[in-house]
Amino acid sequence: MIPRRIVPLLLLFAALALAGSASAQHTLGFNVGYGMGSARFEPTQETRARWGMYSGGLSWRYYGRQRIVGGFGIDLEFLQQGYSFATNASQVDEKRDYLYYSRNINSVVLPVVWQPHVYMLRHRLRVYLEAAATFSYNLSSTWENEYLDADKQKRIERGDYRFETARDNRWGYGLAGGGGVAVLVRQFEINVRVRYYFGYSDIVRNRNKYYDNATDGPENPFYATPLRSPLDNLTISVGLSYRFNKEGFEAWKPRPKRPKNREVFKYGL
């Protein structure tokens, strides 16, 4: 569920996109998605992908008439990120005995997208690629920690994660890439997209600057803050967009050559 605090941002984004609708060749739509989250820790941790990450938001695109250049645009998304790593990997021999610490992170992400594309099936199908720079803000987070009780049975404790300035990064940035297909139906575009988010910023601050910011407990089981902790996401989403002007989806055609008037040259007129 999208937090109430970002609803005004979504409405503002929609208003700005609609305000420029008179200039043609652009679309406004929404998308919802499902995927997985992971993290890249240094030093390396025994991690696993965390599925069940949801996303959704608004998408604006501007398309040119060029055959390959395609379009560019901006998304405003609610994206769940997350990771899981084994806290006892060095103490057991089998993966089935691993005990995992996991986090889910609710974020607002702003991808700035370039989208080259080609048309097929008489302009009823559009195939595209995506490349984007992403900027994000982490709104809230929850954690889960697996442990063994007195009878050696696996248990899970959960709670809300408390962001601390000396330990946690709220802001993030990275790159994203992917592709998809879109079916054009009258003024609407139905699309299916796969996108991979590759993080460059760390979710936990670098221990070279904040060496003593780790806490040994169920909320944050790092014994020492990692050197690097960027987050990655893979999402599969479906969306629906409204096309404000069909001209933006016409196929590119080379400018016709002007026929030479041989009679003019013949008589020197």
C-alpha atoms as a PDB file:
ATOM      1  CA  MET A   1       0.000   0.000   0.000  1.00  0.00           C
ATOM      2  CA  ILE A   2       1.343   3.441  -0.938  1.00  0.00           C
ATOM      3  CA  PRO A   3       1.999   5.605   2.163  1.00  0.00           C
ATOM      4  CA  ARG A   4      -0.282   8.610   2.521  1.00  0.00           C
ATOM      5  CA  ARG A   5       2.656  11.005   2.718  1.00  0.00           C
ATOM      6  CA  ILE A   6       3.551  10.489  -0.978  1.00  0.00           C
ATOM      7  CA  VAL A   7      -0.005  10.863  -2.318  1.00  0.00           C
ATOM      8  CA  PRO A   8       0.402  14.678  -2.634  1.00  0.00           C
ATOM      9  CA  LEU A   9       3.590  14.110  -4.641  1.00  0.00           C
ATOM     10  CA  LEU A  10       1.761  11.798  -7.031  1.00  0.00           C
ATOM     11  CA  LEU A  11      -1.046  14.331  -7.485  1.00  0.00           C
ATOM     12  CA  LEU A  12       1.437  17.140  -8.125  1.00  0.00           C
ATOM     13  CA  PHE A  13       3.236  15.016 -10.703  1.00  0.00           C
ATOM     14  CA  ALA A  14      -0.053  14.300 -12.488  1.00  0.00           C
ATOM     15  CA  ALA A  15      -1.015  17.988 -12.503  1.00  0.00           C
ATOM     16  CA  LEU A  16       2.308  19.047 -14.017  1.00  0.00           C
ATOM     17  CA  ALA A  17       2.101  16.391 -16.725  1.00  0.00           C
ATOM     18  CA  LEU A  18      -1.463  17.317 -17.619  1.00  0.00           C
ATOM     19  CA  ALA A  19      -0.622  21.012 -17.733  1.00  0.00           C
ATOM     20  CA  GLY A  20       1.625  20.427 -20.732  1.00  0.00           C
ATOM     21  CA  SER A  21      -0.705  18.113 -22.620  1.00  0.00           C
ATOM     22  CA  ALA A  22      -1.352  20.634 -25.382  1.00  0.00           C
ATOM     23  CA  SER A  23       2.166  20.221 -26.787  1.00  0.00           C
ATOM     24  CA  ALA A  24       1.482  16.745 -28.245  1.00  0.00           C
ATOM     25  CA  GLN A  25       3.490  13.552 -28.557  1.00  0.00           C
ATOM     26  CA  HIS A  26       3.397  12.502 -24.944  1.00  0.00           C
ATOM     27  CA  THR A  27       1.675  10.064 -22.615  1.00  0.00           C
ATOM     28  CA  LEU A  28       0.689   9.918 -18.979  1.00  0.00           C
ATOM     29  CA  GLY A  29      -0.001   6.613 -17.268  1.00  0.00           C
ATOM     30  CA  PHE A  30       0.382   4.435 -14.229  1.00  0.00           C
ATOM     31  CA  ASN A  31       2.012   1.096 -13.533  1.00  0.00           C
ATOM     32  CA  VAL A  32       2.068  -1.562 -10.828  1.00  0.00           C
ATOM     33  CA  GLY A  33       4.765  -4.153 -10.341  1.00  0.00           C
ATOM     34  CA  TYR A  34       6.172  -7.067  -8.411  1.00  0.00           C
ATOM     35  CA  GLY A  35       9.746  -8.202  -7.948  1.00  0.00           C
ATOM     36  CA  MET A  36      12.678  -8.904  -5.704  1.00  0.00           C
ATOM     37  CA  GLY A  37      15.261  -6.964  -3.759  1.00  0.00           C
ATOM     38  CA  SER A  38      18.863  -7.683  -2.818  1.00  0.00           C
ATOM     39  CA  ALA A  39      22.006  -5.969  -1.580  1.00  0.00           C
ATOM     40  CA  ARG A  40      25.704  -6.098  -2.452  1.00  0.00           C
ATOM     41  CA  PHE A  41      27.703  -6.100   0.769  1.00  0.00           C
ATOM     42  CA  GLU A  42      31.415  -5.545   1.222  1.00  0.00           C
ATOM     43  CA  PRO A  43      32.810  -7.578   2.915  1.00  0.00           C
ATOM     44  CA  THR A  44      30.730 -10.257   1.167  1.00  0.00           C
ATOM     45  CA  GLN A  45      27.804 -11.712   3.076  1.00  0.00           C
ATOM     46  CA  GLU A  46      25.823 -14.885   2.400  1.00  0.00           C
ATOM     47  CA  THR A  47      22.699 -13.302   0.920  1.00  0.00           C
ATOM     48  CA  ARG A  48      19.517 -14.382  -0.812  1.00  0.00           C
ATOM     49  CA  ALA A  49      17.047 -12.547  -3.025  1.00  0.00           C
ATOM     50  CA  ARG A  50      14.003 -11.242  -1.192  1.00  0.00           C
ATOM     51  CA  TRP A  51      10.842 -11.640  -3.282  1.00  0.00           C
ATOM     52  CA  GLY A  52       7.557  -9.924  -2.582  1.00  0.00           C
ATOM     53  CA  MET A  53       8.644  -6.362  -3.332  1.00  0.00           C
ATOM     54  CA  TYR A  54       5.800  -4.210  -4.728  1.00  0.00           C
ATOM     55  CA  SER A  55       5.943  -1.021  -6.761  1.00  0.00           C
ATOM     56  CA  GLY A  56       3.571   1.440  -8.370  1.00  0.00           C
ATOM     57  CA  GLY A  57       3.431   4.979  -9.627  1.00  0.00           C
ATOM     58  CA  LEU A  58       3.009   7.433 -12.463  1.00  0.00           C
ATOM     59  CA  SER A  59       4.897   7.610 -15.729  1.00  0.00           C
ATOM     60  CA  TRP A  60       5.251  10.453 -18.253  1.00  0.00           C
ATOM     61  CA  ARG A  61       6.877  10.038 -21.676  1.00  0.00           C
ATOM     62  CA  TYR A  62       7.599  12.359 -24.577  1.00  0.00           C
ATOM     63  CA  TYR A  63       8.082  10.692 -27.961  1.00  0.00           C
ATOM     64  CA  GLY A  64       9.761  12.020 -31.057  1.00  0.00           C
ATOM     65  CA  ARG A  65       9.102  10.882 -34.597  1.00  0.00           C
ATOM     66  CA  GLN A  66      12.579   9.455 -35.112  1.00  0.00           C
ATOM     67  CA  ARG A  67      12.727   5.773 -35.823  1.00  0.00           C
ATOM     68  CA  ILE A  68      15.233   4.769 -33.112  1.00  0.00           C
ATOM     69  CA  VAL A  69      15.666   7.735 -30.763  1.00  0.00           C
ATOM     70  CA  GLY A  70      12.287   7.046 -29.170  1.00  0.00           C
ATOM     71  CA  GLY A  71      11.424   9.140 -26.171  1.00  0.00           C
ATOM     72  CA  PHE A  72      12.401  10.339 -22.745  1.00  0.00           C
ATOM     73  CA  GLY A  73      10.436  10.846 -19.567  1.00  0.00           C
ATOM     74  CA  ILE A  74      10.162  10.827 -15.790  1.00  0.00           C
ATOM     75  CA  ASP A  75       8.607   8.316 -13.403  1.00  0.00           C
ATOM     76  CA  LEU A  76       7.463   8.854  -9.842  1.00  0.00           C
ATOM     77  CA  GLU A  77       7.284   5.498  -8.090  1.00  0.00           C
ATOM     78  CA  PHE A  78       6.701   3.911  -4.748  1.00  0.00           C
ATOM     79  CA  LEU A  79       9.226   1.052  -4.618  1.00  0.00           C
ATOM     80  CA  GLN A  80       9.810  -1.583  -1.963  1.00  0.00           C
ATOM     81  CA  GLN A  81      13.450  -2.554  -1.598  1.00  0.00           C
ATOM     82  CA  GLY A  82      14.977  -5.147   0.649  1.00  0.00           C
ATOM     83  CA  TYR A  83      17.635  -7.718   1.415  1.00  0.00           C
ATOM     84  CA  SER A  84      18.333 -10.869   3.445  1.00  0.00           C
ATOM     85  CA  PHE A  85      21.645 -12.189   4.716  1.00  0.00           C
ATOM     86  CA  ALA A  86      22.638 -15.139   6.908  1.00  0.00           C
ATOM     87  CA  THR A  87      23.832 -14.104  10.357  1.00  0.00           C
ATOM     88  CA  ASN A  88      25.296 -17.534  11.197  1.00  0.00           C
ATOM     89  CA  ALA A  89      26.897 -18.514   7.880  1.00  0.00           C
ATOM     90  CA  SER A  90      30.318 -19.037   9.487  1.00  0.00           C
ATOM     91  CA  GLN A  91      28.856 -21.246  12.236  1.00  0.00           C
ATOM     92  CA  VAL A  92      27.007 -23.894  10.206  1.00  0.00           C
ATOM     93  CA  ASP A  93      27.862 -26.107   7.237  1.00  0.00           C
ATOM     94  CA  GLU A  94      24.492 -26.445   5.494  1.00  0.00           C
ATOM     95  CA  LYS A  95      22.497 -23.628   3.917  1.00  0.00           C
ATOM     96  CA  ARG A  96      19.308 -25.117   5.315  1.00  0.00           C
ATOM     97  CA  ASP A  97      20.592 -24.191   8.775  1.00  0.00           C
ATOM     98  CA  TYR A  98      21.119 -20.536   7.938  1.00  0.00           C
ATOM     99  CA  LEU A  99      19.328 -17.943  10.050  1.00  0.00           C
ATOM    100  CA  TYR A 100      18.467 -14.831   8.065  1.00  0.00           C
ATOM    101  CA  TYR A 101      18.123 -11.203   8.963  1.00  0.00           C
ATOM    102  CA  SER A 102      15.898  -9.321   6.494  1.00  0.00           C
ATOM    103  CA  ARG A 103      14.724  -5.793   5.834  1.00  0.00           C
ATOM    104  CA  ASN A 104      11.985  -4.231   3.724  1.00  0.00           C
ATOM    105  CA  ILE A 105      12.477  -0.578   2.803  1.00  0.00           C
ATOM    106  CA  ASN A 106       9.688   1.653   1.464  1.00  0.00           C
ATOM    107  CA  SER A 107      11.087   4.239  -0.933  1.00  0.00           C
ATOM    108  CA  VAL A 108      10.030   6.962  -3.333  1.00  0.00           C
ATOM    109  CA  VAL A 109      12.074   6.721  -6.537  1.00  0.00           C
ATOM    110  CA  LEU A 110      12.424   9.262  -9.349  1.00  0.00           C
ATOM    111  CA  PRO A 111      13.870   7.648 -12.529  1.00  0.00           C
ATOM    112  CA  VAL A 112      14.814   9.965 -15.410  1.00  0.00           C
ATOM    113  CA  VAL A 113      14.384   7.700 -18.424  1.00  0.00           C
ATOM    114  CA  TRP A 114      15.612   7.458 -22.015  1.00  0.00           C
ATOM    115  CA  GLN A 115      13.533   5.001 -24.037  1.00  0.00           C
ATOM    116  CA  PRO A 116      14.625   4.047 -27.590  1.00  0.00           C
ATOM    117  CA  HIS A 117      11.992   2.038 -29.436  1.00  0.00           C
ATOM    118  CA  VAL A 118      10.845   0.524 -32.726  1.00  0.00           C
ATOM    119  CA  TYR A 119       7.343  -0.129 -34.083  1.00  0.00           C
ATOM    120  CA  MET A 120       6.003  -3.423 -35.376  1.00  0.00           C
ATOM    121  CA  LEU A 121       2.741  -4.880 -36.694  1.00  0.00           C
ATOM    122  CA  ARG A 122       1.656  -1.707 -38.488  1.00  0.00           C
ATOM    123  CA  HIS A 123       2.376   0.482 -35.484  1.00  0.00           C
ATOM    124  CA  ARG A 124       0.164  -1.575 -33.164  1.00  0.00           C
ATOM    125  CA  LEU A 125       3.143  -2.909 -31.212  1.00  0.00           C
ATOM    126  CA  ARG A 126       6.031  -0.922 -29.772  1.00  0.00           C
ATOM    127  CA  VAL A 127       9.207  -2.637 -28.518  1.00  0.00           C
ATOM    128  CA  TYR A 128      11.482  -0.510 -26.345  1.00  0.00           C
ATOM    129  CA  LEU A 129      14.572  -0.459 -24.186  1.00  0.00           C
ATOM    130  CA  GLU A 130      15.163   1.756 -21.155  1.00  0.00           C
ATOM    131  CA  ALA A 131      18.120   3.437 -19.515  1.00  0.00           C
ATOM    132  CA  ALA A 132      17.619   5.649 -16.462  1.00  0.00           C
ATOM    133  CA  ALA A 133      19.322   7.569 -13.700  1.00  0.00           C
ATOM    134  CA  THR A 134      17.455   7.100 -10.405  1.00  0.00           C
ATOM    135  CA  PHE A 135      17.132   9.186  -7.252  1.00  0.00           C
ATOM    136  CA  SER A 136      15.355   7.905  -4.149  1.00  0.00           C
ATOM    137  CA  TYR A 137      14.315   8.686  -0.603  1.00  0.00           C
ATOM    138  CA  ASN A 138      13.691   5.977   2.005  1.00  0.00           C
ATOM    139  CA  LEU A 139      10.442   6.608   3.866  1.00  0.00           C
ATOM    140  CA  SER A 140      10.266   3.746   6.354  1.00  0.00           C
ATOM    141  CA  SER A 141      11.506   0.240   6.980  1.00  0.00           C
ATOM    142  CA  THR A 142      10.721  -3.011   8.804  1.00  0.00           C
ATOM    143  CA  TRP A 143      12.972  -5.895   9.872  1.00  0.00           C
ATOM    144  CA  GLU A 144      12.739  -9.631  10.505  1.00  0.00           C
ATOM    145  CA  ASN A 145      15.243 -11.767  12.388  1.00  0.00           C
ATOM    146  CA  GLU A 146      15.333 -15.573  12.544  1.00  0.00           C
ATOM    147  CA  TYR A 147      16.656 -17.236  15.690  1.00  0.00           C
ATOM    148  CA  LEU A 148      16.574 -20.554  17.528  1.00  0.00           C
ATOM    149  CA  ASP A 149      14.620 -20.877  20.749  1.00  0.00           C
ATOM    150  CA  ALA A 150      15.545 -23.047  23.720  1.00  0.00           C
ATOM    151  CA  ASP A 151      14.238 -26.138  21.897  1.00  0.00           C
ATOM    152  CA  LYS A 152      16.314 -25.371  18.792  1.00  0.00           C
ATOM    153  CA  GLN A 153      13.188 -24.431  16.848  1.00  0.00           C
ATOM    154  CA  LYS A 154      13.403 -21.618  14.334  1.00  0.00           C
ATOM    155  CA  ARG A 155      11.474 -18.488  15.333  1.00  0.00           C
ATOM    156  CA  ILE A 156      11.035 -15.050  13.749  1.00  0.00           C
ATOM    157  CA  GLU A 157      10.819 -11.694  15.479  1.00  0.00           C
ATOM    158  CA  ARG A 158       9.729  -8.546  13.654  1.00  0.00           C
ATOM    159  CA  GLY A 159       9.594  -4.836  14.197  1.00  0.00           C
ATOM    160  CA  ASP A 160       9.799  -1.348  12.727  1.00  0.00           C
ATOM    161  CA  TYR A 161      13.271  -0.217  11.813  1.00  0.00           C
ATOM    162  CA  ARG A 162      14.432   3.057  13.365  1.00  0.00           C
ATOM    163  CA  PHE A 163      16.482   5.228  11.041  1.00  0.00           C
ATOM    164  CA  GLU A 164      19.471   6.820  12.756  1.00  0.00           C
ATOM    165  CA  THR A 165      21.372   9.640  11.082  1.00  0.00           C
ATOM    166  CA  ALA A 166      24.777   8.303  12.143  1.00  0.00           C
ATOM    167  CA  ARG A 167      24.039   4.856  10.725  1.00  0.00           C
ATOM    168  CA  ASP A 168      21.447   4.985   7.928  1.00  0.00           C
ATOM    169  CA  ASN A 169      21.160   6.726   4.587  1.00  0.00           C
ATOM    170  CA  ARG A 170      17.750   8.113   3.650  1.00  0.00           C
ATOM    171  CA  TRP A 171      18.819   9.330   0.195  1.00  0.00           C
ATOM    172  CA  GLY A 172      19.942   7.105  -2.641  1.00  0.00           C
ATOM    173  CA  TYR A 173      20.927   7.149  -6.290  1.00  0.00           C
ATOM    174  CA  GLY A 174      21.800   4.678  -9.020  1.00  0.00           C
ATOM    175  CA  LEU A 175      21.103   3.477 -12.545  1.00  0.00           C
ATOM    176  CA  ALA A 176      18.362   1.341 -14.050  1.00  0.00           C
ATOM    177  CA  GLY A 177      17.870  -0.514 -17.305  1.00  0.00           C
ATOM    178  CA  GLY A 178      15.399  -2.825 -18.946  1.00  0.00           C
ATOM    179  CA  GLY A 179      12.859  -3.104 -21.698  1.00  0.00           C
ATOM    180  CA  GLY A 180       9.337  -3.998 -22.597  1.00  0.00           C
ATOM    181  CA  VAL A 181       6.572  -4.191 -25.150  1.00  0.00           C
ATOM    182  CA  ALA A 182       3.519  -1.986 -25.555  1.00  0.00           C
ATOM    183  CA  VAL A 183       0.283  -2.613 -27.419  1.00  0.00           C
ATOM    184  CA  LEU A 184      -1.340   0.490 -28.923  1.00  0.00           C
ATOM    185  CA  VAL A 185      -5.151   0.559 -28.763  1.00  0.00           C
ATOM    186  CA  ARG A 186      -6.705   3.788 -29.998  1.00  0.00           C
ATOM    187  CA  GLN A 187      -5.560   6.495 -27.551  1.00  0.00           C
ATOM    188  CA  PHE A 188      -4.249   3.982 -25.020  1.00  0.00           C
ATOM    189  CA  GLU A 189      -1.039   2.065 -24.572  1.00  0.00           C
ATOM    190  CA  ILE A 190      -0.862  -1.172 -22.557  1.00  0.00           C
ATOM    191  CA  ASN A 191       2.668  -2.180 -21.672  1.00  0.00           C
ATOM    192  CA  VAL A 192       4.624  -4.894 -19.884  1.00  0.00           C
ATOM    193  CA  ARG A 193       8.062  -3.908 -18.609  1.00  0.00           C
ATOM    194  CA  VAL A 194      11.056  -5.495 -16.903  1.00  0.00           C
ATOM    195  CA  ARG A 195      13.456  -3.131 -15.134  1.00  0.00           C
ATOM    196  CA  TYR A 196      16.567  -3.695 -13.042  1.00  0.00           C
ATOM    197  CA  TYR A 197      17.611  -1.035 -10.516  1.00  0.00           C
ATOM    198  CA  PHE A 198      21.346  -0.955  -9.792  1.00  0.00           C
ATOM    199  CA  GLY A 199      22.167   1.029  -6.668  1.00  0.00           C
ATOM    200  CA  TYR A 200      25.317   3.049  -6.140  1.00  0.00           C
ATOM    201  CA  SER A 201      24.604   4.614  -2.749  1.00  0.00           C
ATOM    202  CA  ASP A 202      24.775   2.655   0.521  1.00  0.00           C
ATOM    203  CA  ILE A 203      21.792   1.921   2.734  1.00  0.00           C
ATOM    204  CA  VAL A 204      24.167   1.779   5.748  1.00  0.00           C
ATOM    205  CA  ARG A 205      26.830   4.446   6.096  1.00  0.00           C
ATOM    206  CA  ASN A 206      30.451   3.551   5.391  1.00  0.00           C
ATOM    207  CA  ARG A 207      32.223   2.228   8.471  1.00  0.00           C
ATOM    208  CA  ASN A 208      35.389   4.175   7.648  1.00  0.00           C
ATOM    209  CA  LYS A 209      33.510   7.297   8.750  1.00  0.00           C
ATOM    210  CA  TYR A 210      31.123   5.717  11.263  1.00  0.00           C
ATOM    211  CA  TYR A 211      33.015   2.693  12.542  1.00  0.00           C
ATOM    212  CA  ASP A 212      31.195   2.551  15.877  1.00  0.00           C
ATOM    213  CA  ASN A 213      27.647   2.978  14.541  1.00  0.00           C
ATOM    214  CA  ALA A 214      26.834  -0.767  14.456  1.00  0.00           C
ATOM    215  CA  THR A 215      24.595  -2.223  17.142  1.00  0.00           C
ATOM    216  CA  ASP A 216      24.507  -5.869  18.125  1.00  0.00           C
ATOM    217  CA  GLY A 217      20.801  -6.648  18.360  1.00  0.00           C
ATOM    218  CA  PRO A 218      17.791  -7.956  16.472  1.00  0.00           C
ATOM    219  CA  GLU A 219      17.142  -4.629  14.758  1.00  0.00           C
ATOM    220  CA  ASN A 220      20.639  -4.327  13.292  1.00  0.00           C
ATOM    221  CA  PRO A 221      22.737  -7.513  13.633  1.00  0.00           C
ATOM    222  CA  PHE A 222      25.866  -6.208  11.879  1.00  0.00           C
ATOM    223  CA  TYR A 223      28.899  -6.837  14.052  1.00  0.00           C
ATOM    224  CA  ALA A 224      30.697  -4.149  12.059  1.00  0.00           C
ATOM    225  CA  THR A 225      29.088  -1.755   9.617  1.00  0.00           C
ATOM    226  CA  PRO A 226      29.817  -2.916   6.035  1.00  0.00           C
ATOM    227  CA  LEU A 227      32.094  -0.949   3.746  1.00  0.00           C
ATOM    228  CA  ARG A 228      29.492  -1.014   0.959  1.00  0.00           C
ATOM    229  CA  SER A 229      25.754  -1.804   1.037  1.00  0.00           C
ATOM    230  CA  PRO A 230      24.033  -0.693  -2.208  1.00  0.00           C
ATOM    231  CA  LEU A 231      20.553  -2.042  -2.969  1.00  0.00           C
ATOM    232  CA  ASP A 232      19.376  -3.674  -6.192  1.00  0.00           C
ATOM    233  CA  ASN A 233      15.856  -4.416  -7.443  1.00  0.00           C
ATOM    234  CA  LEU A 234      14.280  -6.414 -10.231  1.00  0.00           C
ATOM    235  CA  THR A 235      10.677  -5.516 -11.047  1.00  0.00           C
ATOM    236  CA  ILE A 236       8.141  -6.819 -13.539  1.00  0.00           C
ATOM    237  CA  SER A 237       5.326  -4.340 -14.084  1.00  0.00           C
ATOM    238  CA  VAL A 238       2.250  -3.710 -16.188  1.00  0.00           C
ATOM    239  CA  GLY A 239       0.933  -0.279 -17.043  1.00  0.00           C
ATOM    240  CA  LEU A 240      -1.684   1.717 -18.869  1.00  0.00           C
ATOM    241  CA  SER A 241      -0.995   5.077 -20.507  1.00  0.00           C
ATOM    242  CA  TYR A 242      -3.132   7.636 -22.313  1.00  0.00           C
ATOM    243  CA  ARG A 243      -1.765   9.123 -25.529  1.00  0.00           C
ATOM    244  CA  PHE A 244      -2.515  12.828 -25.878  1.00  0.00           C
ATOM    245  CA  ASN A 245      -1.711  12.883 -29.578  1.00  0.00           C
ATOM    246  CA  LYS A 246      -1.465  10.015 -32.067  1.00  0.00           C
ATOM    247  CA  GLU A 247       1.052  11.920 -34.153  1.00  0.00           C
ATOM    248  CA  GLY A 248       3.721  11.049 -31.647  1.00  0.00           C
ATOM    249  CA  PHE A 249       3.319   7.388 -32.601  1.00  0.00           C
ATOM    250  CA  GLU A 250       3.445   7.716 -36.355  1.00  0.00           C
ATOM    251  CA  ALA A 251       6.305   5.917 -38.002  1.00  0.00           C
ATOM    252  CA  TRP A 252       9.373   7.878 -38.973  1.00  0.00           C
ATOM    253  CA  LYS A 253       9.585   8.515 -42.686  1.00  0.00           C
ATOM    254  CA  PRO A 254      12.528  10.052 -44.578  1.00  0.00           C
ATOM    255  CA  ARG A 255      11.917  13.445 -46.088  1.00  0.00           C
ATOM    256  CA  PRO A 256      10.939  12.935 -49.772  1.00  0.00           C
ATOM    257  CA  LYS A 257      13.440  14.115 -52.305  1.00  0.00           C
ATOM    258  CA  ARG A 258      12.362  16.991 -54.470  1.00  0.00           C
ATOM    259  CA  PRO A 259      12.240  15.925 -58.137  1.00  0.00           C
ATOM    260  CA  LYS A 260      14.456  17.952 -60.381  1.00  0.00           C
ATOM    261  CA  ASN A 261      12.630  19.993 -62.991  1.00  0.00           C
ATOM    262  CA  ARG A 262      14.606  19.005 -66.064  1.00  0.00           C
ATOM    263  CA  GLU A 263      12.702  21.415 -68.289  1.00  0.00           C
ATOM    264  CA  VAL A 264      13.890  24.335 -66.192  1.00  0.00           C
ATOM    265  CA  PHE A 265      17.512  23.328 -66.525  1.00  0.00           C
ATOM    266  CA  LYS A 266      17.072  22.577 -70.210  1.00  0.00           C
ATOM    267  CA  TYR A 267      15.940  26.062 -71.171  1.00  0.00           C
ATOM    268  CA  GLY A 268      17.841  27.905 -68.437  1.00  0.00           C
ATOM    269  CA  LEU A 269      14.720  29.402 -66.904  1.00  0.00           C
END
